[in-house]
Amino acid sequence: MSKQEKSSKFVSTKTVGLIAIMWFSFMFGAWAQAAQNKSSTDAVPPVVIAVKFYADWCSSCKAMATTYKEFQTKFDTQPVLHVVLDHTRKYDRQQSAYLAVSLGLSKVWEKYANKTGFILLVDGNTREVITTLTKNHTLKEMGVALQKAVDKASSRL
C-alpha cells in the first residue's frame, strides 16, 4: 500500500469516526433537549382563568395594577391562565372580543363587555364565573379567593 493510500485510508477512517461522534452528540443533544422540553411544553388546560377587564383610562384598573401584578407573581405556580380583555380603544375591544370567543368566554364577554376595573376568576372547564376580584381586595384576599376558585374548579374535574 502506498503512502498516499495509507493517508487516504487514515483520513477516511478519521472522517467516519468524527462523523459518528458528531452524530451521537447530535442525537444525545436532541434527546436531552426533548427531555427538557417535555416538562415545559406538556400543556394542560388551566383549572382557572383569571379574566382582567381593563382600560388605560380606568381609575379602578390603575388602583389595582400593583396588587394584581404581585398577585400574578406570588401565585404563578397555580394552574391559572391570566387573560386581559382591553377596552382602551375600539381596536382593543375588538381584539378582546375575538380572544374571549376563542377561549370559550362568549357569555362572560357578553355580560361584562362594557365594564372595566375587575378580575373574574372563571372555571377553566365550565367557563362559569366563580368569583370577582376588585381594587378593594388585598393581595392576601386575592390569594385566598384564588385558592378557593382552584379548589372548587378542581373538584368539578
Protein backbone atom coordinates (compact mmCIF):
# COMPACT_ATOMS: atom_id res chain seq x y z
CA MET A 1 0.00 0.00 0.00
CA SER A 2 1.39 3.36 -0.97
CA LYS A 3 1.87 6.24 1.42
CA GLN A 4 -0.96 8.16 -0.28
CA GLU A 5 -3.36 5.18 0.05
CA LYS A 6 -2.49 4.81 3.76
CA SER A 7 -3.02 8.53 4.27
CA SER A 8 -6.31 8.39 2.40
CA LYS A 9 -7.45 5.35 4.41
CA PHE A 10 -6.45 7.09 7.67
CA VAL A 11 -8.34 10.25 6.68
CA SER A 12 -11.35 8.16 5.67
CA THR A 13 -11.34 6.27 8.99
CA LYS A 14 -10.78 9.50 10.90
CA THR A 15 -13.62 11.18 8.98
CA VAL A 16 -16.02 8.30 9.65
CA GLY A 17 -15.10 8.37 13.34
CA LEU A 18 -15.60 12.13 13.50
CA ILE A 19 -18.96 11.86 11.76
CA ALA A 20 -20.01 9.11 14.17
CA ILE A 21 -19.04 11.25 17.17
CA MET A 22 -20.90 14.25 15.73
CA TRP A 23 -23.97 12.11 15.03
CA PHE A 24 -24.01 10.66 18.56
CA SER A 25 -23.50 14.14 20.02
CA PHE A 26 -26.34 15.49 17.93
CA MET A 27 -28.66 12.62 18.87
CA PHE A 28 -27.82 12.90 22.55
CA GLY A 29 -28.33 16.68 22.39
CA ALA A 30 -31.66 16.23 20.65
CA TRP A 31 -32.71 13.63 23.23
CA ALA A 32 -31.66 15.87 26.11
CA GLN A 33 -33.48 18.84 24.57
CA ALA A 34 -36.62 16.75 24.07
CA ALA A 35 -36.48 15.58 27.68
CA GLN A 36 -36.05 19.16 28.89
CA ASN A 37 -38.85 20.48 26.67
CA LYS A 38 -41.23 17.71 27.70
CA SER A 39 -41.79 19.19 31.12
CA SER A 40 -42.05 22.75 29.87
CA THR A 41 -44.27 22.09 26.86
CA ASP A 42 -46.66 19.46 28.18
CA ALA A 43 -49.63 21.79 28.15
CA VAL A 44 -52.62 21.04 30.31
CA PRO A 45 -55.76 23.14 30.39
CA PRO A 46 -55.89 25.75 33.15
CA VAL A 47 -58.08 25.00 36.13
CA VAL A 48 -59.00 28.69 36.47
CA ILE A 49 -58.94 31.58 34.01
CA ALA A 50 -58.31 34.99 35.56
CA VAL A 51 -60.01 37.44 33.20
CA LYS A 52 -58.98 41.05 33.79
CA PHE A 53 -61.33 43.67 32.32
CA TYR A 54 -59.01 46.59 31.72
CA ALA A 55 -58.69 50.00 30.09
CA ASP A 56 -55.90 52.59 30.25
CA TRP A 57 -58.34 55.28 31.33
CA CYS A 58 -59.96 53.18 34.12
CA SER A 59 -59.15 54.52 37.61
CA SER A 60 -60.03 51.19 39.27
CA CYS A 61 -57.65 49.41 36.89
CA LYS A 62 -54.88 51.82 37.85
CA ALA A 63 -55.67 51.38 41.56
CA MET A 64 -55.38 47.59 41.40
CA ALA A 65 -52.45 47.38 38.94
CA THR A 66 -49.68 46.86 41.51
CA THR A 67 -51.67 44.41 43.60
CA TYR A 68 -52.64 42.40 40.53
CA LYS A 69 -49.03 42.23 39.32
CA GLU A 70 -47.97 40.97 42.77
CA PHE A 71 -50.88 38.52 42.65
CA GLN A 72 -49.68 37.11 39.31
CA THR A 73 -46.11 36.78 40.59
CA LYS A 74 -46.91 35.35 44.02
CA PHE A 75 -49.33 32.73 42.73
CA ASP A 76 -47.54 31.87 39.48
CA THR A 77 -47.44 28.16 40.34
CA GLN A 78 -51.23 27.90 40.38
CA PRO A 79 -52.92 26.34 37.29
CA VAL A 80 -54.26 29.72 36.14
CA LEU A 81 -54.39 31.36 32.74
CA HIS A 82 -54.22 35.16 33.05
CA VAL A 83 -56.08 36.99 30.30
CA VAL A 84 -56.50 40.73 29.82
CA LEU A 85 -59.54 41.94 27.91
CA ASP A 86 -58.60 45.50 27.00
CA HIS A 87 -61.30 48.13 26.49
CA THR A 88 -58.98 51.10 25.90
CA ARG A 89 -59.77 51.64 22.20
CA LYS A 90 -62.21 50.24 19.67
CA TYR A 91 -59.46 48.05 18.16
CA ASP A 92 -58.53 46.68 21.61
CA ARG A 93 -62.19 45.88 22.34
CA GLN A 94 -62.50 44.01 19.05
CA GLN A 95 -59.32 42.00 19.69
CA SER A 96 -60.54 41.25 23.22
CA ALA A 97 -63.86 40.04 21.82
CA TYR A 98 -62.01 37.69 19.47
CA LEU A 99 -59.88 36.43 22.35
CA ALA A 100 -62.89 35.88 24.59
CA VAL A 101 -64.70 33.92 21.89
CA SER A 102 -61.56 31.88 21.14
CA LEU A 103 -61.28 30.94 24.82
CA GLY A 104 -64.92 29.93 25.08
CA LEU A 105 -65.77 33.00 27.15
CA SER A 106 -68.53 34.38 24.91
CA LYS A 107 -71.12 34.51 27.69
CA VAL A 108 -68.68 36.23 30.03
CA TRP A 109 -67.82 38.76 27.32
CA GLU A 110 -71.47 39.45 26.54
CA LYS A 111 -72.28 40.07 30.20
CA TYR A 112 -69.24 42.20 31.11
CA ALA A 113 -68.04 43.69 27.80
CA ASN A 114 -68.70 47.32 28.67
CA LYS A 115 -67.26 47.23 32.19
CA THR A 116 -63.69 47.56 33.48
CA GLY A 117 -61.75 47.55 36.74
CA PHE A 118 -62.18 43.99 37.96
CA ILE A 119 -60.96 40.43 37.52
CA LEU A 120 -63.20 37.41 37.12
CA LEU A 121 -61.97 34.02 38.25
CA VAL A 122 -63.60 31.64 35.80
CA ASP A 123 -63.78 27.85 35.96
CA GLY A 124 -61.43 26.61 33.24
CA ASN A 125 -63.72 23.68 32.40
CA THR A 126 -67.27 25.01 32.64
CA ARG A 127 -66.43 28.68 31.91
CA GLU A 128 -68.67 29.73 34.80
CA VAL A 129 -67.67 32.75 36.88
CA ILE A 130 -66.54 31.61 40.33
CA THR A 131 -65.80 35.00 41.91
CA THR A 132 -64.90 38.61 41.21
CA LEU A 133 -61.81 40.49 42.43
CA THR A 134 -61.72 44.29 42.65
CA LYS A 135 -59.44 47.09 43.82
CA ASN A 136 -60.94 46.61 47.29
CA HIS A 137 -59.28 43.19 47.67
CA THR A 138 -55.88 42.92 49.29
CA LEU A 139 -53.22 40.62 47.92
CA LYS A 140 -53.96 38.15 50.69
CA GLU A 141 -57.70 38.21 49.95
CA MET A 142 -56.98 37.67 46.25
CA GLY A 143 -54.80 34.68 47.12
CA VAL A 144 -57.49 33.15 49.32
CA ALA A 145 -60.10 33.71 46.59
CA LEU A 146 -57.82 32.14 44.01
CA GLN A 147 -57.16 29.08 46.14
CA LYS A 148 -60.90 28.63 46.74
CA ALA A 149 -61.54 29.01 43.00
CA VAL A 150 -58.86 26.45 42.13
CA ASP A 151 -60.23 24.03 44.74
CA LYS A 152 -63.79 24.49 43.50
CA ALA A 153 -62.87 24.12 39.82
CA SER A 154 -60.62 21.13 40.55
CA SER A 155 -63.44 19.34 42.36
CA ARG A 156 -65.50 19.50 39.15
CA LEU A 157 -62.89 17.70 37.07
